[in-house]
PDB file of N, CA and C in Angstrom:
ATOM      1  N   MET A   1      -6.969 -39.286  -5.293  1.00  0.00           N
ATOM      2  CA  MET A   1      -5.632 -39.690  -4.908  1.00  0.00           C
ATOM      3  C   MET A   1      -4.939 -38.520  -4.210  1.00  0.00           C
ATOM      4  N   LYS A   2      -4.218 -38.837  -3.154  1.00  0.00           N
ATOM      5  CA  LYS A   2      -3.436 -37.828  -2.435  1.00  0.00           C
ATOM      6  C   LYS A   2      -1.951 -38.090  -2.685  1.00  0.00           C
ATOM      7  N   ARG A   3      -1.153 -37.030  -2.613  1.00  0.00           N
ATOM      8  CA  ARG A   3       0.295 -37.164  -2.738  1.00  0.00           C
ATOM      9  C   ARG A   3       0.947 -36.514  -1.525  1.00  0.00           C
ATOM     10  N   TYR A   4       1.906 -37.228  -0.955  1.00  0.00           N
ATOM     11  CA  TYR A   4       2.677 -36.723   0.179  1.00  0.00           C
ATOM     12  C   TYR A   4       4.155 -36.841  -0.153  1.00  0.00           C
ATOM     13  N   CYS A   5       4.928 -35.856   0.271  1.00  0.00           N
ATOM     14  CA  CYS A   5       6.375 -35.885   0.116  1.00  0.00           C
ATOM     15  C   CYS A   5       6.988 -35.750   1.503  1.00  0.00           C
ATOM     16  N   LEU A   6       7.969 -36.616   1.769  1.00  0.00           N
ATOM     17  CA  LEU A   6       8.583 -36.661   3.092  1.00  0.00           C
ATOM     18  C   LEU A   6      10.096 -36.707   2.944  1.00  0.00           C
ATOM     19  N   ALA A   7      10.792 -36.279   3.984  1.00  0.00           N
ATOM     20  CA  ALA A   7      12.256 -36.269   3.959  1.00  0.00           C
ATOM     21  C   ALA A   7      12.803 -36.890   5.238  1.00  0.00           C
ATOM     22  N   LEU A   8      13.998 -37.433   5.107  1.00  0.00           N
ATOM     23  CA  LEU A   8      14.722 -38.037   6.227  1.00  0.00           C
ATOM     24  C   LEU A   8      16.188 -38.093   5.833  1.00  0.00           C
ATOM     25  N   ASP A   9      17.071 -38.078   6.794  1.00  0.00           N
ATOM     26  CA  ASP A   9      18.498 -38.210   6.525  1.00  0.00           C
ATOM     27  C   ASP A   9      18.986 -39.592   6.911  1.00  0.00           C
ATOM     28  N   LEU A  10      20.059 -40.002   6.246  1.00  0.00           N
ATOM     29  CA  LEU A  10      20.800 -41.190   6.650  1.00  0.00           C
ATOM     30  C   LEU A  10      22.049 -40.732   7.392  1.00  0.00           C
ATOM     31  N   ILE A  11      22.588 -41.601   8.200  1.00  0.00           N
ATOM     32  CA  ILE A  11      23.878 -41.327   8.824  1.00  0.00           C
ATOM     33  C   ILE A  11      24.883 -41.161   7.684  1.00  0.00           C
ATOM     34  N   ASN A  12      25.676 -40.119   7.741  1.00  0.00           N
ATOM     35  CA  ASN A  12      26.559 -39.774   6.631  1.00  0.00           C
ATOM     36  C   ASN A  12      27.820 -40.632   6.632  1.00  0.00           C
ATOM     37  N   ASP A  13      27.631 -41.891   6.238  1.00  0.00           N
ATOM     38  CA  ASP A  13      28.710 -42.873   6.179  1.00  0.00           C
ATOM     39  C   ASP A  13      28.470 -43.712   4.922  1.00  0.00           C
ATOM     40  N   ALA A  14      29.421 -43.720   4.007  1.00  0.00           N
ATOM     41  CA  ALA A  14      29.227 -44.369   2.708  1.00  0.00           C
ATOM     42  C   ALA A  14      28.866 -45.848   2.830  1.00  0.00           C
ATOM     43  N   SER A  15      29.476 -46.566   3.746  1.00  0.00           N
ATOM     44  CA  SER A  15      29.177 -47.996   3.868  1.00  0.00           C
ATOM     45  C   SER A  15      27.774 -48.218   4.425  1.00  0.00           C
ATOM     46  N   LEU A  16      27.342 -47.386   5.372  1.00  0.00           N
ATOM     47  CA  LEU A  16      25.985 -47.502   5.905  1.00  0.00           C
ATOM     48  C   LEU A  16      24.941 -47.142   4.850  1.00  0.00           C
ATOM     49  N   ILE A  17      25.236 -46.115   4.058  1.00  0.00           N
ATOM     50  CA  ILE A  17      24.317 -45.722   2.989  1.00  0.00           C
ATOM     51  C   ILE A  17      24.186 -46.864   1.973  1.00  0.00           C
ATOM     52  N   ALA A  18      25.299 -47.509   1.634  1.00  0.00           N
ATOM     53  CA  ALA A  18      25.261 -48.642   0.702  1.00  0.00           C
ATOM     54  C   ALA A  18      24.432 -49.794   1.275  1.00  0.00           C
ATOM     55  N   GLU A  19      24.581 -50.081   2.562  1.00  0.00           N
ATOM     56  CA  GLU A  19      23.781 -51.134   3.194  1.00  0.00           C
ATOM     57  C   GLU A  19      22.296 -50.791   3.157  1.00  0.00           C
ATOM     58  N   TYR A  20      21.970 -49.553   3.454  1.00  0.00           N
ATOM     59  CA  TYR A  20      20.576 -49.111   3.443  1.00  0.00           C
ATOM     60  C   TYR A  20      19.973 -49.293   2.059  1.00  0.00           C
ATOM     61  N   LYS A  21      20.708 -48.903   1.033  1.00  0.00           N
ATOM     62  CA  LYS A  21      20.230 -49.064  -0.338  1.00  0.00           C
ATOM     63  C   LYS A  21      20.064 -50.539  -0.688  1.00  0.00           C
ATOM     64  N   ALA A  22      20.954 -51.385  -0.203  1.00  0.00           N
ATOM     65  CA  ALA A  22      20.849 -52.827  -0.472  1.00  0.00           C
ATOM     66  C   ALA A  22      19.575 -53.400   0.157  1.00  0.00           C
ATOM     67  N   TYR A  23      19.237 -52.986   1.371  1.00  0.00           N
ATOM     68  CA  TYR A  23      17.979 -53.430   1.983  1.00  0.00           C
ATOM     69  C   TYR A  23      16.780 -52.999   1.142  1.00  0.00           C
ATOM     70  N   HIS A  24      16.848 -51.807   0.584  1.00  0.00           N
ATOM     71  CA  HIS A  24      15.719 -51.303  -0.193  1.00  0.00           C
ATOM     72  C   HIS A  24      15.662 -51.899  -1.600  1.00  0.00           C
ATOM     73  N   ALA A  25      16.711 -52.574  -2.023  1.00  0.00           N
ATOM     74  CA  ALA A  25      16.670 -53.317  -3.277  1.00  0.00           C
ATOM     75  C   ALA A  25      15.909 -54.631  -3.094  1.00  0.00           C
ATOM     76  N   LYS A  26      15.779 -55.075  -1.826  1.00  0.00           N
ATOM     77  CA  LYS A  26      15.091 -56.328  -1.504  1.00  0.00           C
ATOM     78  C   LYS A  26      14.241 -56.131  -0.245  1.00  0.00           C
ATOM     79  N   VAL A  27      13.278 -55.240  -0.320  1.00  0.00           N
ATOM     80  CA  VAL A  27      12.411 -54.963   0.829  1.00  0.00           C
ATOM     81  C   VAL A  27      11.641 -56.230   1.180  1.00  0.00           C
ATOM     82  N   TRP A  28      11.538 -56.487   2.477  1.00  0.00           N
ATOM     83  CA  TRP A  28      10.846 -57.692   2.942  1.00  0.00           C
ATOM     84  C   TRP A  28       9.401 -57.713   2.435  1.00  0.00           C
ATOM     85  N   PRO A  29       8.885 -58.875   2.066  1.00  0.00           N
ATOM     86  CA  PRO A  29       7.504 -58.966   1.567  1.00  0.00           C
ATOM     87  C   PRO A  29       6.460 -58.449   2.562  1.00  0.00           C
ATOM     88  N   GLU A  30       6.694 -58.663   3.838  1.00  0.00           N
ATOM     89  CA  GLU A  30       5.749 -58.198   4.859  1.00  0.00           C
ATOM     90  C   GLU A  30       5.669 -56.670   4.895  1.00  0.00           C
ATOM     91  N   ILE A  31       6.777 -56.027   4.589  1.00  0.00           N
ATOM     92  CA  ILE A  31       6.803 -54.566   4.561  1.00  0.00           C
ATOM     93  C   ILE A  31       6.051 -54.068   3.330  1.00  0.00           C
ATOM     94  N   MET A  32       6.276 -54.729   2.206  1.00  0.00           N
ATOM     95  CA  MET A  32       5.549 -54.364   0.984  1.00  0.00           C
ATOM     96  C   MET A  32       4.044 -54.514   1.198  1.00  0.00           C
ATOM     97  N   GLU A  33       3.630 -55.589   1.844  1.00  0.00           N
ATOM     98  CA  GLU A  33       2.207 -55.817   2.089  1.00  0.00           C
ATOM     99  C   GLU A  33       1.638 -54.762   3.032  1.00  0.00           C
ATOM    100  N   SER A  34       2.385 -54.379   4.062  1.00  0.00           N
ATOM    101  CA  SER A  34       1.887 -53.366   5.007  1.00  0.00           C
ATOM    102  C   SER A  34       1.723 -52.015   4.315  1.00  0.00           C
ATOM    103  N   ILE A  35       2.591 -51.720   3.373  1.00  0.00           N
ATOM    104  CA  ILE A  35       2.493 -50.471   2.615  1.00  0.00           C
ATOM    105  C   ILE A  35       1.232 -50.494   1.751  1.00  0.00           C
ATOM    106  N   LYS A  36       1.079 -51.562   0.985  1.00  0.00           N
ATOM    107  CA  LYS A  36      -0.063 -51.670   0.070  1.00  0.00           C
ATOM    108  C   LYS A  36      -1.395 -51.692   0.814  1.00  0.00           C
ATOM    109  N   SER A  37      -1.460 -52.443   1.912  1.00  0.00           N
ATOM    110  CA  SER A  37      -2.731 -52.596   2.632  1.00  0.00           C
ATOM    111  C   SER A  37      -3.160 -51.316   3.344  1.00  0.00           C
ATOM    112  N   SER A  38      -2.249 -50.362   3.499  1.00  0.00           N
ATOM    113  CA  SER A  38      -2.585 -49.106   4.178  1.00  0.00           C
ATOM    114  C   SER A  38      -3.247 -48.092   3.248  1.00  0.00           C
ATOM    115  N   GLY A  39      -3.249 -48.386   1.956  1.00  0.00           N
ATOM    116  CA  GLY A  39      -3.812 -47.438   1.004  1.00  0.00           C
ATOM    117  C   GLY A  39      -2.765 -46.674   0.216  1.00  0.00           C
ATOM    118  N   ILE A  40      -1.505 -47.020   0.411  1.00  0.00           N
ATOM    119  CA  ILE A  40      -0.438 -46.406  -0.381  1.00  0.00           C
ATOM    120  C   ILE A  40      -0.392 -47.141  -1.713  1.00  0.00           C
ATOM    121  N   GLN A  41      -0.591 -46.405  -2.788  1.00  0.00           N
ATOM    122  CA  GLN A  41      -0.678 -47.013  -4.117  1.00  0.00           C
ATOM    123  C   GLN A  41       0.640 -46.938  -4.880  1.00  0.00           C
ATOM    124  N   HIS A  42       1.395 -45.882  -4.660  1.00  0.00           N
ATOM    125  CA  HIS A  42       2.707 -45.717  -5.286  1.00  0.00           C
ATOM    126  C   HIS A  42       3.628 -45.095  -4.235  1.00  0.00           C
ATOM    127  N   LEU A  43       4.848 -45.595  -4.170  1.00  0.00           N
ATOM    128  CA  LEU A  43       5.817 -45.053  -3.224  1.00  0.00           C
ATOM    129  C   LEU A  43       7.189 -45.136  -3.873  1.00  0.00           C
ATOM    130  N   ALA A  44       7.929 -44.052  -3.817  1.00  0.00           N
ATOM    131  CA  ALA A  44       9.292 -44.021  -4.341  1.00  0.00           C
ATOM    132  C   ALA A  44      10.165 -43.253  -3.355  1.00  0.00           C
ATOM    133  N   ILE A  45      11.398 -43.707  -3.205  1.00  0.00           N
ATOM    134  CA  ILE A  45      12.376 -43.014  -2.359  1.00  0.00           C
ATOM    135  C   ILE A  45      13.564 -42.641  -3.243  1.00  0.00           C
ATOM    136  N   TYR A  46      13.969 -41.393  -3.167  1.00  0.00           N
ATOM    137  CA  TYR A  46      15.129 -40.882  -3.890  1.00  0.00           C
ATOM    138  C   TYR A  46      16.182 -40.477  -2.872  1.00  0.00           C
ATOM    139  N   SER A  47      17.448 -40.484  -3.304  1.00  0.00           N
ATOM    140  CA  SER A  47      18.513 -40.052  -2.401  1.00  0.00           C
ATOM    141  C   SER A  47      19.478 -39.121  -3.118  1.00  0.00           C
ATOM    142  N   VAL A  48      20.041 -38.223  -2.335  1.00  0.00           N
ATOM    143  CA  VAL A  48      21.172 -37.403  -2.764  1.00  0.00           C
ATOM    144  C   VAL A  48      22.068 -37.303  -1.538  1.00  0.00           C
ATOM    145  N   GLU A  49      23.304 -37.769  -1.697  1.00  0.00           N
ATOM    146  CA  GLU A  49      24.215 -37.879  -0.561  1.00  0.00           C
ATOM    147  C   GLU A  49      23.510 -38.650   0.555  1.00  0.00           C
ATOM    148  N   ASN A  50      23.308 -38.049   1.710  1.00  0.00           N
ATOM    149  CA  ASN A  50      22.649 -38.781   2.801  1.00  0.00           C
ATOM    150  C   ASN A  50      21.207 -38.315   3.031  1.00  0.00           C
ATOM    151  N   ARG A  51      20.663 -37.512   2.138  1.00  0.00           N
ATOM    152  CA  ARG A  51      19.283 -37.031   2.255  1.00  0.00           C
ATOM    153  C   ARG A  51      18.360 -37.945   1.458  1.00  0.00           C
ATOM    154  N   LEU A  52      17.241 -38.333   2.066  1.00  0.00           N
ATOM    155  CA  LEU A  52      16.225 -39.142   1.411  1.00  0.00           C
ATOM    156  C   LEU A  52      14.978 -38.306   1.174  1.00  0.00           C
ATOM    157  N   PHE A  53      14.305 -38.594   0.067  1.00  0.00           N
ATOM    158  CA  PHE A  53      13.066 -37.918  -0.300  1.00  0.00           C
ATOM    159  C   PHE A  53      12.079 -38.995  -0.734  1.00  0.00           C
ATOM    160  N   MET A  54      10.922 -39.057  -0.093  1.00  0.00           N
ATOM    161  CA  MET A  54       9.905 -40.063  -0.391  1.00  0.00           C
ATOM    162  C   MET A  54       8.673 -39.394  -0.985  1.00  0.00           C
ATOM    163  N   ILE A  55       8.169 -39.994  -2.055  1.00  0.00           N
ATOM    164  CA  ILE A  55       6.906 -39.562  -2.648  1.00  0.00           C
ATOM    165  C   ILE A  55       5.924 -40.701  -2.479  1.00  0.00           C
ATOM    166  N   MET A  56       4.777 -40.404  -1.868  1.00  0.00           N
ATOM    167  CA  MET A  56       3.719 -41.392  -1.679  1.00  0.00           C
ATOM    168  C   MET A  56       2.459 -40.895  -2.365  1.00  0.00           C
ATOM    169  N   GLU A  57       1.839 -41.759  -3.139  1.00  0.00           N
ATOM    170  CA  GLU A  57       0.521 -41.483  -3.681  1.00  0.00           C
ATOM    171  C   GLU A  57      -0.419 -42.493  -3.059  1.00  0.00           C
ATOM    172  N   THR A  58      -1.513 -42.005  -2.495  1.00  0.00           N
ATOM    173  CA  THR A  58      -2.383 -42.851  -1.686  1.00  0.00           C
ATOM    174  C   THR A  58      -3.836 -42.745  -2.136  1.00  0.00           C
ATOM    175  N   SER A  59      -4.622 -43.683  -1.643  1.00  0.00           N
ATOM    176  CA  SER A  59      -6.069 -43.576  -1.817  1.00  0.00           C
ATOM    177  C   SER A  59      -6.557 -42.367  -1.026  1.00  0.00           C
ATOM    178  N   ASP A  60      -7.745 -41.899  -1.346  1.00  0.00           N
ATOM    179  CA  ASP A  60      -8.319 -40.768  -0.623  1.00  0.00           C
ATOM    180  C   ASP A  60      -8.594 -41.117   0.837  1.00  0.00           C
ATOM    181  N   GLU A  61      -8.754 -42.411   1.132  1.00  0.00           N
ATOM    182  CA  GLU A  61      -9.060 -42.860   2.499  1.00  0.00           C
ATOM    183  C   GLU A  61      -7.813 -43.008   3.373  1.00  0.00           C
ATOM    184  N   PHE A  62      -6.629 -42.935   2.795  1.00  0.00           N
ATOM    185  CA  PHE A  62      -5.383 -43.120   3.565  1.00  0.00           C
ATOM    186  C   PHE A  62      -5.281 -42.106   4.694  1.00  0.00           C
ATOM    187  N   SER A  63      -4.779 -42.573   5.847  1.00  0.00           N
ATOM    188  CA  SER A  63      -4.442 -41.652   6.937  1.00  0.00           C
ATOM    189  C   SER A  63      -3.159 -42.122   7.611  1.00  0.00           C
ATOM    190  N   PHE A  64      -2.327 -41.162   7.988  1.00  0.00           N
ATOM    191  CA  PHE A  64      -1.102 -41.492   8.704  1.00  0.00           C
ATOM    192  C   PHE A  64      -1.429 -42.128  10.051  1.00  0.00           C
ATOM    193  N   GLU A  65      -2.493 -41.678  10.683  1.00  0.00           N
ATOM    194  CA  GLU A  65      -2.885 -42.227  11.986  1.00  0.00           C
ATOM    195  C   GLU A  65      -3.200 -43.719  11.875  1.00  0.00           C
ATOM    196  N   SER A  66      -3.970 -44.098  10.874  1.00  0.00           N
ATOM    197  CA  SER A  66      -4.308 -45.515  10.679  1.00  0.00           C
ATOM    198  C   SER A  66      -3.071 -46.327  10.321  1.00  0.00           C
ATOM    199  N   LYS A  67      -2.214 -45.779   9.477  1.00  0.00           N
ATOM    200  CA  LYS A  67      -0.981 -46.475   9.090  1.00  0.00           C
ATOM    201  C   LYS A  67      -0.093 -46.690  10.303  1.00  0.00           C
ATOM    202  N   ASN A  68       0.068 -45.660  11.134  1.00  0.00           N
ATOM    203  CA  ASN A  68       0.904 -45.786  12.331  1.00  0.00           C
ATOM    204  C   ASN A  68       0.342 -46.821  13.293  1.00  0.00           C
ATOM    205  N   LYS A  69      -0.972 -46.830  13.468  1.00  0.00           N
ATOM    206  CA  LYS A  69      -1.616 -47.796  14.364  1.00  0.00           C
ATOM    207  C   LYS A  69      -1.382 -49.224  13.871  1.00  0.00           C
ATOM    208  N   ALA A  70      -1.557 -49.452  12.573  1.00  0.00           N
ATOM    209  CA  ALA A  70      -1.328 -50.778  11.998  1.00  0.00           C
ATOM    210  C   ALA A  70       0.139 -51.178  12.124  1.00  0.00           C
ATOM    211  N   ASP A  71       1.044 -50.238  11.895  1.00  0.00           N
ATOM    212  CA  ASP A  71       2.477 -50.528  11.997  1.00  0.00           C
ATOM    213  C   ASP A  71       2.876 -50.924  13.417  1.00  0.00           C
ATOM    214  N   LEU A  72       2.316 -50.255  14.405  1.00  0.00           N
ATOM    215  CA  LEU A  72       2.636 -50.578  15.802  1.00  0.00           C
ATOM    216  C   LEU A  72       2.175 -51.978  16.176  1.00  0.00           C
ATOM    217  N   ALA A  73       1.138 -52.478  15.521  1.00  0.00           N
ATOM    218  CA  ALA A  73       0.610 -53.815  15.806  1.00  0.00           C
ATOM    219  C   ALA A  73       1.285 -54.901  14.968  1.00  0.00           C
ATOM    220  N   ASN A  74       2.171 -54.515  14.052  1.00  0.00           N
ATOM    221  CA  ASN A  74       2.807 -55.463  13.139  1.00  0.00           C
ATOM    222  C   ASN A  74       4.260 -55.681  13.566  1.00  0.00           C
ATOM    223  N   LEU A  75       4.553 -56.857  14.107  1.00  0.00           N
ATOM    224  CA  LEU A  75       5.896 -57.136  14.627  1.00  0.00           C
ATOM    225  C   LEU A  75       6.973 -57.073  13.543  1.00  0.00           C
ATOM    226  N   LYS A  76       6.645 -57.494  12.329  1.00  0.00           N
ATOM    227  CA  LYS A  76       7.630 -57.460  11.245  1.00  0.00           C
ATOM    228  C   LYS A  76       7.948 -56.015  10.857  1.00  0.00           C
ATOM    229  N   VAL A  77       6.936 -55.152  10.835  1.00  0.00           N
ATOM    230  CA  VAL A  77       7.173 -53.728  10.550  1.00  0.00           C
ATOM    231  C   VAL A  77       8.032 -53.127  11.659  1.00  0.00           C
ATOM    232  N   GLN A  78       7.760 -53.475  12.890  1.00  0.00           N
ATOM    233  CA  GLN A  78       8.562 -52.956  14.005  1.00  0.00           C
ATOM    234  C   GLN A  78      10.014 -53.420  13.902  1.00  0.00           C
ATOM    235  N   GLU A  79      10.216 -54.680  13.494  1.00  0.00           N
ATOM    236  CA  GLU A  79      11.575 -55.198  13.294  1.00  0.00           C
ATOM    237  C   GLU A  79      12.290 -54.421  12.189  1.00  0.00           C
ATOM    238  N   TRP A  80      11.591 -54.171  11.074  1.00  0.00           N
ATOM    239  CA  TRP A  80      12.156 -53.411   9.957  1.00  0.00           C
ATOM    240  C   TRP A  80      12.521 -51.991  10.397  1.00  0.00           C
ATOM    241  N   GLU A  81      11.589 -51.330  11.090  1.00  0.00           N
ATOM    242  CA  GLU A  81      11.829 -49.950  11.524  1.00  0.00           C
ATOM    243  C   GLU A  81      13.023 -49.862  12.473  1.00  0.00           C
ATOM    244  N   LYS A  82      13.139 -50.823  13.366  1.00  0.00           N
ATOM    245  CA  LYS A  82      14.283 -50.845  14.298  1.00  0.00           C
ATOM    246  C   LYS A  82      15.587 -51.024  13.520  1.00  0.00           C
ATOM    247  N   LEU A  83      15.578 -51.924  12.549  1.00  0.00           N
ATOM    248  CA  LEU A  83      16.758 -52.155  11.719  1.00  0.00           C
ATOM    249  C   LEU A  83      17.116 -50.899  10.916  1.00  0.00           C
ATOM    250  N   MET A  84      16.128 -50.262  10.302  1.00  0.00           N
ATOM    251  CA  MET A  84      16.391 -49.083   9.475  1.00  0.00           C
ATOM    252  C   MET A  84      16.921 -47.912  10.294  1.00  0.00           C
ATOM    253  N   TRP A  85      16.538 -47.830  11.567  1.00  0.00           N
ATOM    254  CA  TRP A  85      16.996 -46.726  12.413  1.00  0.00           C
ATOM    255  C   TRP A  85      18.503 -46.808  12.647  1.00  0.00           C
ATOM    256  N   ASN A  86      19.127 -47.963  12.358  1.00  0.00           N
ATOM    257  CA  ASN A  86      20.590 -48.075  12.434  1.00  0.00           C
ATOM    258  C   ASN A  86      21.265 -47.260  11.337  1.00  0.00           C
ATOM    259  N   TYR A  87      20.521 -46.898  10.319  1.00  0.00           N
ATOM    260  CA  TYR A  87      21.053 -46.166   9.173  1.00  0.00           C
ATOM    261  C   TYR A  87      20.530 -44.737   9.094  1.00  0.00           C
ATOM    262  N   GLN A  88      19.393 -44.497   9.703  1.00  0.00           N
ATOM    263  CA  GLN A  88      18.709 -43.214   9.585  1.00  0.00           C
ATOM    264  C   GLN A  88      19.068 -42.279  10.732  1.00  0.00           C
ATOM    265  N   GLN A  89      18.902 -41.001  10.483  1.00  0.00           N
ATOM    266  CA  GLN A  89      19.015 -40.002  11.547  1.00  0.00           C
ATOM    267  C   GLN A  89      17.964 -38.923  11.283  1.00  0.00           C
ATOM    268  N   ALA A  90      17.445 -38.404  12.345  1.00  0.00           N
ATOM    269  CA  ALA A  90      16.386 -37.403  12.230  1.00  0.00           C
ATOM    270  C   ALA A  90      16.916 -36.128  11.593  1.00  0.00           C
ATOM    271  N   LEU A  91      16.030 -35.462  10.882  1.00  0.00           N
ATOM    272  CA  LEU A  91      16.361 -34.142  10.353  1.00  0.00           C
ATOM    273  C   LEU A  91      16.536 -33.160  11.511  1.00  0.00           C
ATOM    274  N   PRO A  92      17.309 -32.100  11.315  1.00  0.00           N
ATOM    275  CA  PRO A  92      17.416 -31.082  12.366  1.00  0.00           C
ATOM    276  C   PRO A  92      16.024 -30.570  12.762  1.00  0.00           C
ATOM    277  N   ASN A  93      15.852 -30.289  14.016  1.00  0.00           N
ATOM    278  CA  ASN A  93      14.610 -29.763  14.594  1.00  0.00           C
ATOM    279  C   ASN A  93      13.462 -30.771  14.625  1.00  0.00           C
ATOM    280  N   SER A  94      13.765 -32.055  14.449  1.00  0.00           N
ATOM    281  CA  SER A  94      12.731 -33.086  14.548  1.00  0.00           C
ATOM    282  C   SER A  94      12.361 -33.315  16.001  1.00  0.00           C
ATOM    283  N   LYS A  95      11.125 -33.766  16.216  1.00  0.00           N
ATOM    284  CA  LYS A  95      10.678 -34.135  17.556  1.00  0.00           C
ATOM    285  C   LYS A  95      11.304 -35.470  17.940  1.00  0.00           C
ATOM    286  N   GLU A  96      11.322 -35.770  19.219  1.00  0.00           N
ATOM    287  CA  GLU A  96      11.847 -37.040  19.724  1.00  0.00           C
ATOM    288  C   GLU A  96      11.165 -38.207  19.008  1.00  0.00           C
ATOM    289  N   GLY A  97      11.976 -39.106  18.425  1.00  0.00           N
ATOM    290  CA  GLY A  97      11.443 -40.286  17.761  1.00  0.00           C
ATOM    291  C   GLY A  97      10.869 -40.050  16.374  1.00  0.00           C
ATOM    292  N   GLU A  98      10.873 -38.806  15.902  1.00  0.00           N
ATOM    293  CA  GLU A  98      10.307 -38.489  14.593  1.00  0.00           C
ATOM    294  C   GLU A  98      11.287 -38.881  13.492  1.00  0.00           C
ATOM    295  N   LYS A  99      10.804 -39.642  12.542  1.00  0.00           N
ATOM    296  CA  LYS A  99      11.636 -40.063  11.412  1.00  0.00           C
ATOM    297  C   LYS A  99      11.280 -39.240  10.180  1.00  0.00           C
ATOM    298  N   TRP A 100      10.544 -39.856   9.261  1.00  0.00           N
ATOM    299  CA  TRP A 100      10.155 -39.162   8.035  1.00  0.00           C
ATOM    300  C   TRP A 100       9.318 -37.939   8.368  1.00  0.00           C
ATOM    301  N   ARG A 101       9.696 -36.793   7.796  1.00  0.00           N
ATOM    302  CA  ARG A 101       8.960 -35.551   8.038  1.00  0.00           C
ATOM    303  C   ARG A 101       8.250 -35.104   6.776  1.00  0.00           C
ATOM    304  N   LEU A 102       7.001 -34.758   6.955  1.00  0.00           N
ATOM    305  CA  LEU A 102       6.180 -34.282   5.862  1.00  0.00           C
ATOM    306  C   LEU A 102       6.728 -32.946   5.354  1.00  0.00           C
ATOM    307  N   MET A 103       6.828 -32.837   4.040  1.00  0.00           N
ATOM    308  CA  MET A 103       7.356 -31.629   3.416  1.00  0.00           C
ATOM    309  C   MET A 103       6.202 -30.753   2.949  1.00  0.00           C
ATOM    310  N   GLU A 104       6.451 -29.464   2.904  1.00  0.00           N
ATOM    311  CA  GLU A 104       5.476 -28.492   2.421  1.00  0.00           C
ATOM    312  C   GLU A 104       5.722 -28.229   0.940  1.00  0.00           C
ATOM    313  N   GLN A 105       4.686 -28.298   0.147  1.00  0.00           N
ATOM    314  CA  GLN A 105       4.802 -27.945  -1.261  1.00  0.00           C
ATOM    315  C   GLN A 105       4.864 -26.429  -1.369  1.00  0.00           C
ATOM    316  N   ILE A 106       5.894 -25.929  -2.034  1.00  0.00           N
ATOM    317  CA  ILE A 106       6.038 -24.475  -2.164  1.00  0.00           C
ATOM    318  C   ILE A 106       5.948 -23.993  -3.609  1.00  0.00           C
ATOM    319  N   PHE A 107       5.874 -24.946  -4.558  1.00  0.00           N
ATOM    320  CA  PHE A 107       5.760 -24.571  -5.966  1.00  0.00           C
ATOM    321  C   PHE A 107       5.116 -25.717  -6.723  1.00  0.00           C
ATOM    322  N   LYS A 108       4.324 -25.381  -7.730  1.00  0.00           N
ATOM    323  CA  LYS A 108       3.723 -26.386  -8.600  1.00  0.00           C
ATOM    324  C   LYS A 108       3.500 -25.755  -9.961  1.00  0.00           C
ATOM    325  N   LEU A 109       3.864 -26.483 -11.030  1.00  0.00           N
ATOM    326  CA  LEU A 109       3.677 -26.004 -12.397  1.00  0.00           C
ATOM    327  C   LEU A 109       2.492 -26.728 -13.008  1.00  0.00           C
TER     328      LEU A 109
END
């Protein structure tokens, strides 16, 4: 099993943050299926103010490249991503179009 941690910001607006959380209380079934079918076994998103932190635990075969390719071919995932971008904003120093950024582990007990 592999573990990945990623970060992303939301637009710093209380009503937009509340809407984003409401969508994640009822994630579309097609999105849940795309996550599971990619090899992601556990996924959790945490928030503090407008900062998001995602923990993904995946099968050993999981790859971001394969997940991205499948997502680009899935119209429902593309619809979800377009909708979510109304609430999200890239972290400082992100590349053009880059959303969730992989975090570096700097400590482990």
